Amino acid sequence: MPEPSIRRAGPADAPALSALGAATFVETFGHLYPPADLAAFLAQSYNLERTAADLADPAKASWIVEAGGEAVGYALAGPCGLPHAEVTPACGELKRIYLLKAWQNGGLGGRLFAETLGWLQAAGPRPIWIGVWSENHGAQRFYLRHGFEKVGEYGFAVGATVDREYILRRDGVSLAGLAANSASNEHNLA
């Protein structure tokens, strides 16, 4: 496999991120939903206009992972939009972190995660939030190893299907603390 690179995504990356978001969601979760629910969710969540709007929003940032000229993963971060009473305007959220299955379990997710959290903490320590599917045990273990804790739950709609989603939070950590934590956990990354 070619060596992957991570870079900040820009407006020209909208088509690749839109397609990759839909592809990774289907690859990971598509089997869980009736076709109509899945199609409605993909049309709403990964359409080109929404992806372009995320890339144009100065409060958000996206990264793209490329290997051999192909997009194989991406992340999206910005202000927290999770439904929890303790969320404030100062809170950040890791909204999406996706890698195609062929690129998982080699440390690339940890690199992408560290890059994204570095951006979220660039202005100083602040609480970071993540929503994760209640049955995604691998992701939950990864986030717990990185200092997140479960603080709530909510219903995540995929069409007419509603999944139980966990809300995880990590209180503000300095960039030095983030780097030390990432380095000490690198051997454990899924």
N, C-alpha and C. Protein backbone atom coordinates (compact mmCIF):
# COMPACT_ATOMS: atom_id res chain seq x y z
N MET A 1 0.84 -1.18 0.00
CA MET A 1 0.00 0.00 0.00
C MET A 1 0.88 1.24 0.00
N PRO A 2 0.47 2.27 -0.74
CA PRO A 2 1.24 3.52 -0.72
C PRO A 2 1.15 4.20 0.64
N GLU A 3 2.16 4.97 0.96
CA GLU A 3 2.19 5.70 2.24
C GLU A 3 1.12 6.79 2.23
N PRO A 4 0.20 6.77 3.20
CA PRO A 4 -0.86 7.78 3.24
C PRO A 4 -0.35 9.11 3.79
N SER A 5 -1.00 10.18 3.36
CA SER A 5 -0.70 11.51 3.87
C SER A 5 -2.00 12.14 4.36
N ILE A 6 -1.87 13.03 5.33
CA ILE A 6 -3.01 13.75 5.89
C ILE A 6 -2.79 15.22 5.64
N ARG A 7 -3.80 15.88 5.10
CA ARG A 7 -3.71 17.32 4.90
C ARG A 7 -5.07 17.96 5.19
N ARG A 8 -5.04 19.25 5.45
CA ARG A 8 -6.27 20.00 5.66
C ARG A 8 -7.03 20.06 4.34
N ALA A 9 -8.31 19.75 4.38
CA ALA A 9 -9.13 19.75 3.17
C ALA A 9 -9.58 21.17 2.84
N GLY A 10 -9.76 21.43 1.55
CA GLY A 10 -10.23 22.72 1.08
C GLY A 10 -11.46 22.56 0.20
N PRO A 11 -11.99 23.65 -0.33
CA PRO A 11 -13.21 23.61 -1.12
C PRO A 11 -13.16 22.62 -2.29
N ALA A 12 -12.02 22.48 -2.93
CA ALA A 12 -11.91 21.57 -4.07
C ALA A 12 -12.06 20.10 -3.67
N ASP A 13 -11.96 19.81 -2.37
CA ASP A 13 -12.07 18.44 -1.88
C ASP A 13 -13.51 18.02 -1.59
N ALA A 14 -14.47 18.93 -1.75
CA ALA A 14 -15.86 18.61 -1.41
C ALA A 14 -16.37 17.36 -2.12
N PRO A 15 -16.18 17.19 -3.43
CA PRO A 15 -16.69 15.97 -4.06
C PRO A 15 -16.07 14.69 -3.48
N ALA A 16 -14.78 14.71 -3.22
CA ALA A 16 -14.12 13.52 -2.66
C ALA A 16 -14.62 13.22 -1.25
N LEU A 17 -14.78 14.25 -0.42
CA LEU A 17 -15.24 14.03 0.96
C LEU A 17 -16.69 13.57 0.98
N SER A 18 -17.51 14.14 0.12
CA SER A 18 -18.92 13.73 0.04
C SER A 18 -19.02 12.25 -0.32
N ALA A 19 -18.30 11.84 -1.35
CA ALA A 19 -18.33 10.45 -1.79
C ALA A 19 -17.73 9.52 -0.74
N LEU A 20 -16.62 9.94 -0.13
CA LEU A 20 -15.96 9.12 0.87
C LEU A 20 -16.81 8.97 2.12
N GLY A 21 -17.48 10.05 2.54
CA GLY A 21 -18.36 9.97 3.71
C GLY A 21 -19.45 8.94 3.50
N ALA A 22 -20.10 9.00 2.34
CA ALA A 22 -21.16 8.03 2.04
C ALA A 22 -20.60 6.62 1.94
N ALA A 23 -19.46 6.46 1.28
CA ALA A 23 -18.87 5.12 1.09
C ALA A 23 -18.47 4.49 2.42
N THR A 24 -17.83 5.27 3.29
CA THR A 24 -17.40 4.70 4.57
C THR A 24 -18.58 4.39 5.47
N PHE A 25 -19.62 5.24 5.43
CA PHE A 25 -20.81 4.96 6.24
C PHE A 25 -21.47 3.67 5.77
N VAL A 26 -21.63 3.52 4.46
CA VAL A 26 -22.25 2.30 3.92
C VAL A 26 -21.38 1.08 4.23
N GLU A 27 -20.07 1.22 4.06
CA GLU A 27 -19.16 0.10 4.31
C GLU A 27 -19.25 -0.38 5.76
N THR A 28 -19.39 0.56 6.68
CA THR A 28 -19.38 0.23 8.11
C THR A 28 -20.77 -0.10 8.66
N PHE A 29 -21.77 0.68 8.25
CA PHE A 29 -23.09 0.58 8.89
C PHE A 29 -24.23 0.24 7.94
N GLY A 30 -23.98 0.20 6.65
CA GLY A 30 -25.06 0.05 5.68
C GLY A 30 -25.93 -1.17 5.89
N HIS A 31 -25.36 -2.26 6.37
CA HIS A 31 -26.11 -3.49 6.58
C HIS A 31 -27.15 -3.39 7.69
N LEU A 32 -27.08 -2.33 8.49
CA LEU A 32 -27.97 -2.19 9.64
C LEU A 32 -29.33 -1.59 9.30
N TYR A 33 -29.47 -0.97 8.11
CA TYR A 33 -30.64 -0.16 7.84
C TYR A 33 -31.41 -0.63 6.62
N PRO A 34 -32.73 -0.45 6.65
CA PRO A 34 -33.51 -0.69 5.43
C PRO A 34 -33.01 0.26 4.33
N PRO A 35 -33.03 -0.18 3.08
CA PRO A 35 -32.50 0.64 1.99
C PRO A 35 -33.07 2.06 1.93
N ALA A 36 -34.35 2.24 2.19
CA ALA A 36 -34.95 3.58 2.13
C ALA A 36 -34.40 4.48 3.23
N ASP A 37 -34.23 3.94 4.44
CA ASP A 37 -33.65 4.73 5.53
C ASP A 37 -32.22 5.12 5.23
N LEU A 38 -31.44 4.17 4.73
CA LEU A 38 -30.04 4.45 4.40
C LEU A 38 -29.94 5.50 3.30
N ALA A 39 -30.75 5.37 2.26
CA ALA A 39 -30.71 6.33 1.15
C ALA A 39 -31.08 7.74 1.63
N ALA A 40 -32.10 7.85 2.47
CA ALA A 40 -32.52 9.16 2.99
C ALA A 40 -31.41 9.79 3.82
N PHE A 41 -30.78 8.98 4.66
CA PHE A 41 -29.70 9.49 5.51
C PHE A 41 -28.51 9.95 4.68
N LEU A 42 -28.11 9.15 3.71
CA LEU A 42 -26.96 9.52 2.87
C LEU A 42 -27.25 10.80 2.10
N ALA A 43 -28.46 10.92 1.56
CA ALA A 43 -28.83 12.11 0.79
C ALA A 43 -28.80 13.37 1.66
N GLN A 44 -29.15 13.22 2.92
CA GLN A 44 -29.16 14.37 3.84
C GLN A 44 -27.77 14.68 4.37
N SER A 45 -27.05 13.66 4.79
CA SER A 45 -25.81 13.86 5.54
C SER A 45 -24.55 14.01 4.69
N TYR A 46 -24.54 13.43 3.49
CA TYR A 46 -23.30 13.40 2.70
C TYR A 46 -23.48 14.02 1.31
N ASN A 47 -24.48 14.86 1.17
CA ASN A 47 -24.65 15.49 -0.15
C ASN A 47 -23.55 16.53 -0.36
N LEU A 48 -23.31 16.84 -1.61
CA LEU A 48 -22.22 17.75 -1.98
C LEU A 48 -22.41 19.14 -1.38
N GLU A 49 -23.63 19.63 -1.36
CA GLU A 49 -23.88 20.98 -0.82
C GLU A 49 -23.54 21.05 0.66
N ARG A 50 -23.93 20.04 1.42
CA ARG A 50 -23.64 20.05 2.86
C ARG A 50 -22.13 19.96 3.09
N THR A 51 -21.46 19.11 2.34
CA THR A 51 -20.01 18.97 2.48
C THR A 51 -19.31 20.28 2.14
N ALA A 52 -19.74 20.92 1.05
CA ALA A 52 -19.14 22.21 0.66
C ALA A 52 -19.40 23.27 1.73
N ALA A 53 -20.58 23.26 2.33
CA ALA A 53 -20.90 24.22 3.39
C ALA A 53 -20.01 23.99 4.61
N ASP A 54 -19.77 22.73 4.98
CA ASP A 54 -18.87 22.43 6.09
C ASP A 54 -17.46 22.96 5.80
N LEU A 55 -16.99 22.76 4.58
CA LEU A 55 -15.65 23.22 4.21
C LEU A 55 -15.56 24.75 4.19
N ALA A 56 -16.66 25.42 3.90
CA ALA A 56 -16.66 26.89 3.84
C ALA A 56 -16.86 27.54 5.20
N ASP A 57 -17.30 26.79 6.18
CA ASP A 57 -17.60 27.32 7.52
C ASP A 57 -16.30 27.55 8.28
N PRO A 58 -15.98 28.80 8.64
CA PRO A 58 -14.71 29.06 9.34
C PRO A 58 -14.64 28.46 10.74
N ALA A 59 -15.77 28.05 11.30
CA ALA A 59 -15.77 27.43 12.63
C ALA A 59 -15.51 25.92 12.56
N LYS A 60 -15.43 25.37 11.36
CA LYS A 60 -15.20 23.95 11.18
C LYS A 60 -13.91 23.72 10.41
N ALA A 61 -13.40 22.50 10.52
CA ALA A 61 -12.22 22.12 9.75
C ALA A 61 -12.33 20.65 9.38
N SER A 62 -11.83 20.32 8.19
CA SER A 62 -11.80 18.94 7.71
C SER A 62 -10.39 18.58 7.28
N TRP A 63 -10.08 17.30 7.38
CA TRP A 63 -8.81 16.76 6.92
C TRP A 63 -9.11 15.61 5.99
N ILE A 64 -8.26 15.43 5.01
CA ILE A 64 -8.41 14.33 4.07
C ILE A 64 -7.16 13.46 4.15
N VAL A 65 -7.37 12.16 4.11
CA VAL A 65 -6.27 11.20 4.09
C VAL A 65 -6.21 10.65 2.67
N GLU A 66 -5.03 10.75 2.06
CA GLU A 66 -4.86 10.30 0.68
C GLU A 66 -3.72 9.28 0.60
N ALA A 67 -3.91 8.33 -0.28
CA ALA A 67 -2.88 7.33 -0.54
C ALA A 67 -2.96 6.95 -2.01
N GLY A 68 -1.84 7.06 -2.70
CA GLY A 68 -1.83 6.71 -4.11
C GLY A 68 -2.78 7.55 -4.94
N GLY A 69 -2.98 8.81 -4.55
CA GLY A 69 -3.87 9.70 -5.29
C GLY A 69 -5.35 9.51 -5.00
N GLU A 70 -5.68 8.61 -4.07
CA GLU A 70 -7.08 8.34 -3.72
C GLU A 70 -7.37 8.79 -2.30
N ALA A 71 -8.59 9.30 -2.07
CA ALA A 71 -9.04 9.64 -0.72
C ALA A 71 -9.43 8.35 -0.01
N VAL A 72 -8.83 8.11 1.17
CA VAL A 72 -9.10 6.88 1.92
C VAL A 72 -9.65 7.15 3.32
N GLY A 73 -9.72 8.42 3.71
CA GLY A 73 -10.26 8.76 5.01
C GLY A 73 -10.41 10.25 5.18
N TYR A 74 -11.17 10.63 6.19
CA TYR A 74 -11.28 12.05 6.50
C TYR A 74 -11.84 12.27 7.90
N ALA A 75 -11.69 13.49 8.37
CA ALA A 75 -12.23 13.89 9.67
C ALA A 75 -12.86 15.27 9.53
N LEU A 76 -13.84 15.53 10.38
CA LEU A 76 -14.53 16.82 10.44
C LEU A 76 -14.66 17.21 11.90
N ALA A 77 -14.32 18.45 12.23
CA ALA A 77 -14.42 18.96 13.60
C ALA A 77 -15.00 20.36 13.57
N GLY A 78 -15.58 20.76 14.69
CA GLY A 78 -16.13 22.10 14.81
C GLY A 78 -16.83 22.28 16.13
N PRO A 79 -17.71 23.28 16.21
CA PRO A 79 -18.45 23.52 17.45
C PRO A 79 -19.34 22.31 17.78
N CYS A 80 -19.51 22.05 19.06
CA CYS A 80 -20.29 20.89 19.48
C CYS A 80 -21.78 21.12 19.25
N GLY A 81 -22.40 20.15 18.60
CA GLY A 81 -23.83 20.20 18.35
C GLY A 81 -24.58 19.05 19.00
N LEU A 82 -23.94 18.35 19.92
CA LEU A 82 -24.59 17.21 20.57
C LEU A 82 -25.61 17.68 21.60
N PRO A 83 -26.69 16.91 21.76
CA PRO A 83 -27.76 17.30 22.69
C PRO A 83 -27.45 16.92 24.13
N HIS A 84 -26.69 17.78 24.80
CA HIS A 84 -26.32 17.54 26.20
C HIS A 84 -26.36 18.87 26.93
N ALA A 85 -26.89 18.87 28.15
CA ALA A 85 -27.08 20.11 28.92
C ALA A 85 -25.77 20.83 29.23
N GLU A 86 -24.64 20.13 29.24
CA GLU A 86 -23.38 20.76 29.59
C GLU A 86 -22.60 21.30 28.40
N VAL A 87 -23.12 21.16 27.19
CA VAL A 87 -22.46 21.71 26.01
C VAL A 87 -22.61 23.23 26.03
N THR A 88 -21.48 23.91 25.82
CA THR A 88 -21.47 25.37 25.74
C THR A 88 -20.90 25.78 24.38
N PRO A 89 -21.03 27.07 24.01
CA PRO A 89 -20.44 27.51 22.74
C PRO A 89 -18.93 27.32 22.65
N ALA A 90 -18.25 27.19 23.78
CA ALA A 90 -16.81 27.01 23.78
C ALA A 90 -16.39 25.56 23.50
N CYS A 91 -17.32 24.63 23.54
CA CYS A 91 -17.01 23.21 23.37
C CYS A 91 -16.74 22.87 21.91
N GLY A 92 -15.83 21.95 21.70
CA GLY A 92 -15.54 21.45 20.36
C GLY A 92 -16.05 20.02 20.21
N GLU A 93 -16.22 19.60 18.96
CA GLU A 93 -16.69 18.24 18.70
C GLU A 93 -15.93 17.62 17.53
N LEU A 94 -15.51 16.40 17.73
CA LEU A 94 -15.02 15.58 16.63
C LEU A 94 -16.26 14.98 16.00
N LYS A 95 -16.69 15.54 14.88
CA LYS A 95 -17.97 15.18 14.27
C LYS A 95 -17.89 13.91 13.44
N ARG A 96 -16.78 13.72 12.75
CA ARG A 96 -16.61 12.53 11.91
C ARG A 96 -15.13 12.18 11.85
N ILE A 97 -14.86 10.90 11.90
CA ILE A 97 -13.52 10.40 11.62
C ILE A 97 -13.73 9.04 10.95
N TYR A 98 -13.44 8.99 9.67
CA TYR A 98 -13.73 7.81 8.85
C TYR A 98 -12.51 7.38 8.07
N LEU A 99 -12.28 6.08 8.04
CA LEU A 99 -11.25 5.47 7.18
C LEU A 99 -11.89 4.28 6.49
N LEU A 100 -11.58 4.08 5.22
CA LEU A 100 -12.01 2.87 4.54
C LEU A 100 -11.41 1.67 5.28
N LYS A 101 -12.12 0.56 5.31
CA LYS A 101 -11.69 -0.61 6.10
C LYS A 101 -10.27 -1.06 5.78
N ALA A 102 -9.90 -0.99 4.52
CA ALA A 102 -8.55 -1.43 4.13
C ALA A 102 -7.46 -0.59 4.79
N TRP A 103 -7.79 0.59 5.32
CA TRP A 103 -6.82 1.50 5.90
C TRP A 103 -6.93 1.59 7.42
N GLN A 104 -7.75 0.75 8.02
CA GLN A 104 -7.92 0.75 9.47
C GLN A 104 -6.91 -0.19 10.13
N ASN A 105 -6.71 0.03 11.41
CA ASN A 105 -5.88 -0.83 12.27
C ASN A 105 -4.39 -0.76 11.97
N GLY A 106 -3.93 0.34 11.41
CA GLY A 106 -2.51 0.50 11.16
C GLY A 106 -1.93 1.76 11.79
N GLY A 107 -2.67 2.42 12.66
CA GLY A 107 -2.21 3.65 13.30
C GLY A 107 -2.62 4.92 12.58
N LEU A 108 -3.17 4.80 11.38
CA LEU A 108 -3.58 5.97 10.62
C LEU A 108 -4.72 6.72 11.31
N GLY A 109 -5.65 5.99 11.90
CA GLY A 109 -6.75 6.62 12.64
C GLY A 109 -6.22 7.44 13.81
N GLY A 110 -5.21 6.94 14.48
CA GLY A 110 -4.60 7.69 15.59
C GLY A 110 -3.95 8.97 15.12
N ARG A 111 -3.28 8.91 13.97
CA ARG A 111 -2.67 10.12 13.41
C ARG A 111 -3.73 11.16 13.04
N LEU A 112 -4.80 10.70 12.41
CA LEU A 112 -5.89 11.60 12.01
C LEU A 112 -6.57 12.19 13.24
N PHE A 113 -6.79 11.36 14.25
CA PHE A 113 -7.39 11.80 15.50
C PHE A 113 -6.52 12.88 16.17
N ALA A 114 -5.21 12.65 16.25
CA ALA A 114 -4.31 13.61 16.87
C ALA A 114 -4.30 14.94 16.11
N GLU A 115 -4.30 14.87 14.79
CA GLU A 115 -4.33 16.08 13.97
C GLU A 115 -5.60 16.89 14.25
N THR A 116 -6.72 16.20 14.31
CA THR A 116 -8.00 16.85 14.53
C THR A 116 -8.09 17.45 15.93
N LEU A 117 -7.68 16.68 16.95
CA LEU A 117 -7.72 17.21 18.31
C LEU A 117 -6.74 18.36 18.49
N GLY A 118 -5.61 18.31 17.80
CA GLY A 118 -4.68 19.44 17.86
C GLY A 118 -5.34 20.73 17.39
N TRP A 119 -6.12 20.64 16.30
CA TRP A 119 -6.85 21.82 15.81
C TRP A 119 -7.90 22.26 16.83
N LEU A 120 -8.63 21.31 17.38
CA LEU A 120 -9.68 21.65 18.35
C LEU A 120 -9.10 22.31 19.60
N GLN A 121 -7.85 22.00 19.95
CA GLN A 121 -7.22 22.55 21.15
C GLN A 121 -6.27 23.71 20.84
N ALA A 122 -6.18 24.13 19.58
CA ALA A 122 -5.19 25.15 19.19
C ALA A 122 -5.33 26.45 19.96
N ALA A 123 -6.53 26.85 20.30
CA ALA A 123 -6.74 28.11 21.02
C ALA A 123 -6.64 27.90 22.53
N GLY A 124 -6.34 26.69 22.95
CA GLY A 124 -6.22 26.38 24.37
C GLY A 124 -7.14 25.23 24.73
N PRO A 125 -6.92 24.68 25.91
CA PRO A 125 -7.72 23.54 26.34
C PRO A 125 -9.22 23.89 26.41
N ARG A 126 -10.05 22.96 25.95
CA ARG A 126 -11.49 23.09 26.06
C ARG A 126 -12.10 21.70 26.02
N PRO A 127 -13.32 21.56 26.52
CA PRO A 127 -13.96 20.24 26.44
C PRO A 127 -14.18 19.83 24.99
N ILE A 128 -13.91 18.56 24.71
CA ILE A 128 -14.12 17.98 23.38
C ILE A 128 -15.16 16.87 23.53
N TRP A 129 -16.10 16.85 22.61
CA TRP A 129 -17.22 15.92 22.64
C TRP A 129 -17.20 15.04 21.39
N ILE A 130 -17.75 13.83 21.54
CA ILE A 130 -17.85 12.88 20.43
C ILE A 130 -19.14 12.10 20.62
N GLY A 131 -19.87 11.88 19.54
CA GLY A 131 -20.99 10.94 19.55
C GLY A 131 -20.54 9.65 18.90
N VAL A 132 -20.85 8.51 19.52
CA VAL A 132 -20.43 7.22 18.97
C VAL A 132 -21.56 6.21 19.16
N TRP A 133 -21.78 5.41 18.13
CA TRP A 133 -22.84 4.40 18.16
C TRP A 133 -22.62 3.46 19.35
N SER A 134 -23.69 3.14 20.05
CA SER A 134 -23.61 2.31 21.25
C SER A 134 -23.01 0.93 20.99
N GLU A 135 -23.08 0.45 19.76
CA GLU A 135 -22.55 -0.88 19.44
C GLU A 135 -21.16 -0.84 18.79
N ASN A 136 -20.59 0.35 18.65
CA ASN A 136 -19.25 0.47 18.07
C ASN A 136 -18.22 0.39 19.20
N HIS A 137 -18.00 -0.83 19.67
CA HIS A 137 -17.16 -1.05 20.84
C HIS A 137 -15.69 -0.71 20.59
N GLY A 138 -15.21 -0.94 19.37
CA GLY A 138 -13.83 -0.60 19.06
C GLY A 138 -13.58 0.89 19.17
N ALA A 139 -14.48 1.71 18.62
CA ALA A 139 -14.33 3.16 18.72
C ALA A 139 -14.44 3.61 20.17
N GLN A 140 -15.35 3.01 20.92
CA GLN A 140 -15.49 3.38 22.33
C GLN A 140 -14.20 3.11 23.10
N ARG A 141 -13.58 1.94 22.86
CA ARG A 141 -12.31 1.63 23.53
C ARG A 141 -11.23 2.64 23.16
N PHE A 142 -11.16 2.99 21.87
CA PHE A 142 -10.18 3.96 21.40
C PHE A 142 -10.36 5.29 22.14
N TYR A 143 -11.59 5.79 22.19
CA TYR A 143 -11.84 7.08 22.82
C TYR A 143 -11.60 7.03 24.33
N LEU A 144 -11.96 5.93 24.97
CA LEU A 144 -11.71 5.81 26.40
C LEU A 144 -10.21 5.83 26.69
N ARG A 145 -9.41 5.19 25.83
CA ARG A 145 -7.95 5.22 26.00
C ARG A 145 -7.40 6.64 25.86
N HIS A 146 -8.14 7.49 25.18
CA HIS A 146 -7.69 8.87 24.96
C HIS A 146 -8.38 9.86 25.88
N GLY A 147 -8.88 9.39 27.00
CA GLY A 147 -9.37 10.27 28.05
C GLY A 147 -10.83 10.68 27.98
N PHE A 148 -11.58 10.11 27.05
CA PHE A 148 -13.01 10.44 26.97
C PHE A 148 -13.79 9.56 27.94
N GLU A 149 -14.92 10.08 28.40
CA GLU A 149 -15.81 9.30 29.25
C GLU A 149 -17.25 9.48 28.76
N LYS A 150 -18.05 8.46 28.98
CA LYS A 150 -19.46 8.52 28.59
C LYS A 150 -20.20 9.43 29.56
N VAL A 151 -20.94 10.41 28.99
CA VAL A 151 -21.67 11.36 29.83
C VAL A 151 -23.15 11.44 29.46
N GLY A 152 -23.57 10.67 28.45
CA GLY A 152 -24.98 10.72 28.07
C GLY A 152 -25.27 9.83 26.88
N GLU A 153 -26.53 9.87 26.45
CA GLU A 153 -27.01 9.11 25.31
C GLU A 153 -28.06 9.94 24.58
N TYR A 154 -28.29 9.61 23.31
CA TYR A 154 -29.39 10.21 22.56
C TYR A 154 -29.75 9.32 21.39
N GLY A 155 -30.86 9.63 20.76
CA GLY A 155 -31.30 8.88 19.59
C GLY A 155 -30.75 9.51 18.33
N PHE A 156 -30.06 8.70 17.52
CA PHE A 156 -29.45 9.15 16.27
C PHE A 156 -30.27 8.57 15.13
N ALA A 157 -30.91 9.45 14.36
CA ALA A 157 -31.82 9.00 13.30
C ALA A 157 -31.09 8.72 12.00
N VAL A 158 -31.34 7.55 11.45
CA VAL A 158 -30.91 7.17 10.11
C VAL A 158 -32.20 6.84 9.38
N GLY A 159 -32.75 7.83 8.67
CA GLY A 159 -34.08 7.68 8.10
C GLY A 159 -35.07 7.54 9.24
N ALA A 160 -35.91 6.52 9.19
CA ALA A 160 -36.89 6.28 10.25
C ALA A 160 -36.32 5.41 11.37
N THR A 161 -35.12 4.90 11.20
CA THR A 161 -34.47 4.08 12.22
C THR A 161 -33.76 5.00 13.20
N VAL A 162 -33.92 4.74 14.49
CA VAL A 162 -33.25 5.55 15.51
C VAL A 162 -32.32 4.64 16.31
N ASP A 163 -31.03 4.96 16.26
CA ASP A 163 -30.02 4.20 16.99
C ASP A 163 -29.72 4.88 18.32
N ARG A 164 -29.22 4.09 19.26
CA ARG A 164 -28.76 4.64 20.53
C ARG A 164 -27.30 5.06 20.33
N GLU A 165 -27.05 6.32 20.57
CA GLU A 165 -25.72 6.90 20.41
C GLU A 165 -25.23 7.34 21.78
N TYR A 166 -23.96 7.06 22.07
CA TYR A 166 -23.36 7.53 23.32
C TYR A 166 -22.72 8.89 23.09
N ILE A 167 -22.81 9.72 24.11
CA ILE A 167 -22.14 11.02 24.10
C ILE A 167 -20.92 10.89 25.01
N LEU A 168 -19.75 11.16 24.44
CA LEU A 168 -18.49 11.10 25.18
C LEU A 168 -17.89 12.49 25.28
N ARG A 169 -17.21 12.74 26.39
CA ARG A 169 -16.56 14.04 26.59
C ARG A 169 -15.19 13.84 27.22
N ARG A 170 -14.29 14.73 26.82
CA ARG A 170 -12.99 14.82 27.47
C ARG A 170 -12.79 16.28 27.83
N ASP A 171 -12.48 16.53 29.09
CA ASP A 171 -12.24 17.90 29.50
C ASP A 171 -10.96 18.41 28.86
N GLY A 172 -10.80 19.72 28.83
CA GLY A 172 -9.67 20.35 28.15
C GLY A 172 -8.34 19.80 28.59
N VAL A 173 -7.49 19.53 27.62
CA VAL A 173 -6.13 19.04 27.83
C VAL A 173 -5.22 19.92 26.98
N SER A 174 -4.08 20.29 27.52
CA SER A 174 -3.15 21.12 26.75
C SER A 174 -2.60 20.32 25.57
N LEU A 175 -2.04 21.02 24.57
CA LEU A 175 -1.44 20.33 23.43
C LEU A 175 -0.29 19.43 23.86
N ALA A 176 0.48 19.84 24.87
CA ALA A 176 1.57 19.00 25.36
C ALA A 176 1.01 17.72 25.96
N GLY A 177 -0.07 17.84 26.71
CA GLY A 177 -0.72 16.66 27.29
C GLY A 177 -1.30 15.77 26.21
N LEU A 178 -1.85 16.37 25.16
CA LEU A 178 -2.41 15.61 24.05
C LEU A 178 -1.30 14.81 23.37
N ALA A 179 -0.16 15.45 23.10
CA ALA A 179 0.94 14.76 22.43
C ALA A 179 1.48 13.62 23.29
N ALA A 180 1.61 13.84 24.59
CA ALA A 180 2.11 12.79 25.47
C ALA A 180 1.13 11.63 25.53
N ASN A 181 -0.17 11.94 25.60
CA ASN A 181 -1.19 10.89 25.66
C ASN A 181 -1.22 10.10 24.36
N SER A 182 -1.13 10.79 23.22
CA SER A 182 -1.15 10.09 21.94
C SER A 182 0.07 9.20 21.78
N ALA A 183 1.23 9.69 22.19
CA ALA A 183 2.45 8.89 22.05
C ALA A 183 2.40 7.67 22.94
N SER A 184 1.88 7.81 24.17
CA SER A 184 1.85 6.66 25.08
C SER A 184 0.81 5.64 24.66
N ASN A 185 -0.20 6.03 23.88
CA ASN A 185 -1.24 5.11 23.46
C ASN A 185 -1.10 4.63 22.04
N GLU A 186 -0.08 5.05 21.31
CA GLU A 186 0.05 4.71 19.90
C GLU A 186 0.04 3.20 19.66
N HIS A 187 0.63 2.43 20.56
CA HIS A 187 0.67 0.98 20.35
C HIS A 187 -0.70 0.33 20.54
N ASN A 188 -1.65 1.04 21.14
CA ASN A 188 -2.97 0.48 21.40
C ASN A 188 -4.01 0.85 20.35
N LEU A 189 -3.64 1.69 19.39
CA LEU A 189 -4.65 2.21 18.47
C LEU A 189 -5.23 1.12 17.59
N ALA A 190 -6.55 1.23 17.41
CA ALA A 190 -7.24 0.27 16.54
C ALA A 190 -7.13 0.69 15.11
